[in-house]
Amino acid sequence: MTGEAFYLLAGVWALGILAVFILAIRLSYRIEARSPDLTNRSGFRRKAMMFHTITNMKVARDEETQAMRRRMNWLLLVALAGFAIMGAGLHMVRAGG
């Protein structure tokens, strides 16, 4: 595969992984809305409280919320692995191997 083709594929790959990351963020907001201790009552928009939802801090303990949290963690692992694979591929292309 030529370098140009790989960079095009890497761009498409990055967009796909970015979409997975956005799905995880959206799930985090849904988890926060279901968790009384994480609900945003200020009236102002705020960033997703990903650290809390990843580590299960102040998250509602009902089964449906916990299932959403497990799915979000899985999506984050997919995004992390996807970017690691892309980074390794870019490194290989730049090294000429």
Protein backbone atom coordinates (compact mmCIF):
# COMPACT_ATOMS: atom_id res chain seq x y z
CA MET A 1 0.00 0.00 0.00
CA THR A 2 1.36 3.41 -0.91
CA GLY A 3 1.83 6.11 1.68
CA GLU A 4 -0.87 8.30 0.13
CA ALA A 5 -3.44 5.51 0.21
CA PHE A 6 -2.55 4.73 3.80
CA TYR A 7 -2.99 8.37 4.84
CA LEU A 8 -6.43 8.43 3.20
CA LEU A 9 -7.35 5.21 5.02
CA ALA A 10 -5.97 6.65 8.27
CA GLY A 11 -8.21 9.71 7.86
CA VAL A 12 -11.31 7.58 7.38
CA TRP A 13 -10.22 5.38 10.31
CA ALA A 14 -9.77 8.47 12.52
CA LEU A 15 -13.26 9.73 11.66
CA GLY A 16 -14.72 6.33 12.56
CA ILE A 17 -12.91 6.21 15.89
CA LEU A 18 -13.91 9.82 16.59
CA ALA A 19 -17.54 8.82 16.03
CA VAL A 20 -17.11 6.01 18.58
CA PHE A 21 -15.66 8.51 21.07
CA ILE A 22 -18.61 10.87 20.53
CA LEU A 23 -21.00 7.97 21.20
CA ALA A 24 -19.18 7.36 24.50
CA ILE A 25 -19.52 11.03 25.46
CA ARG A 26 -23.23 10.98 24.68
CA LEU A 27 -23.63 7.85 26.84
CA SER A 28 -21.79 9.61 29.66
CA TYR A 29 -24.34 12.46 29.54
CA ARG A 30 -27.20 9.93 29.65
CA ILE A 31 -25.60 8.19 32.64
CA GLU A 32 -25.23 11.53 34.42
CA ALA A 33 -28.91 12.31 33.80
CA ARG A 34 -29.89 9.00 35.44
CA SER A 35 -27.59 9.54 38.45
CA PRO A 36 -29.00 11.95 41.06
CA ASP A 37 -25.56 12.91 42.42
CA LEU A 38 -24.25 13.76 38.93
CA THR A 39 -27.30 15.57 37.53
CA ASN A 40 -26.52 19.08 36.33
CA ARG A 41 -28.85 21.42 38.21
CA SER A 42 -26.93 24.65 37.56
CA GLY A 43 -28.74 25.56 34.36
CA PHE A 44 -25.39 26.04 32.60
CA ARG A 45 -23.88 23.60 30.13
CA ARG A 46 -20.88 21.68 31.37
CA LYS A 47 -18.44 19.11 30.10
CA ALA A 48 -19.25 15.45 30.49
CA MET A 49 -18.14 14.06 33.84
CA MET A 50 -16.33 11.17 32.16
CA PHE A 51 -13.98 10.51 35.09
CA HIS A 52 -16.94 9.94 37.39
CA THR A 53 -18.80 7.69 34.98
CA ILE A 54 -15.70 5.67 34.06
CA THR A 55 -14.77 5.05 37.71
CA ASN A 56 -18.41 4.56 38.83
CA MET A 57 -18.21 7.49 41.30
CA LYS A 58 -21.66 8.76 42.31
CA VAL A 59 -23.28 6.79 39.47
CA ALA A 60 -26.73 5.28 40.01
CA ARG A 61 -26.48 1.59 40.88
CA ASP A 62 -29.52 0.32 38.99
CA GLU A 63 -28.83 -2.38 36.41
CA GLU A 64 -29.75 -0.31 33.35
CA THR A 65 -27.41 2.56 34.29
CA GLN A 66 -24.60 0.13 35.07
CA ALA A 67 -25.14 -1.56 31.69
CA MET A 68 -24.87 1.85 30.01
CA ARG A 69 -21.66 2.51 31.95
CA ARG A 70 -20.16 -0.82 30.86
CA ARG A 71 -21.04 -0.03 27.23
CA MET A 72 -19.47 3.42 27.54
CA ASN A 73 -16.27 1.92 28.98
CA TRP A 74 -16.19 -0.60 26.13
CA LEU A 75 -16.60 2.21 23.55
CA LEU A 76 -13.75 4.14 25.18
CA LEU A 77 -11.51 1.06 25.00
CA VAL A 78 -12.39 0.65 21.31
CA ALA A 79 -11.50 4.31 20.67
CA LEU A 80 -8.22 3.97 22.56
CA ALA A 81 -7.28 0.78 20.72
CA GLY A 82 -8.30 2.31 17.38
CA PHE A 83 -6.08 5.34 17.83
CA ALA A 84 -3.20 3.14 19.05
CA ILE A 85 -3.51 0.96 15.93
CA MET A 86 -3.64 4.04 13.72
CA GLY A 87 -0.59 5.51 15.46
CA ALA A 88 1.35 2.29 15.00
CA GLY A 89 0.40 2.20 11.32
CA LEU A 90 1.45 5.81 10.82
CA HIS A 91 4.75 5.08 12.51
CA MET A 92 5.35 2.10 10.22
CA VAL A 93 4.56 4.15 7.09
CA ARG A 94 6.87 6.98 8.15
CA ALA A 95 9.66 4.52 9.02
CA GLY A 96 9.33 3.01 5.56
CA GLY A 97 8.48 -0.49 6.79
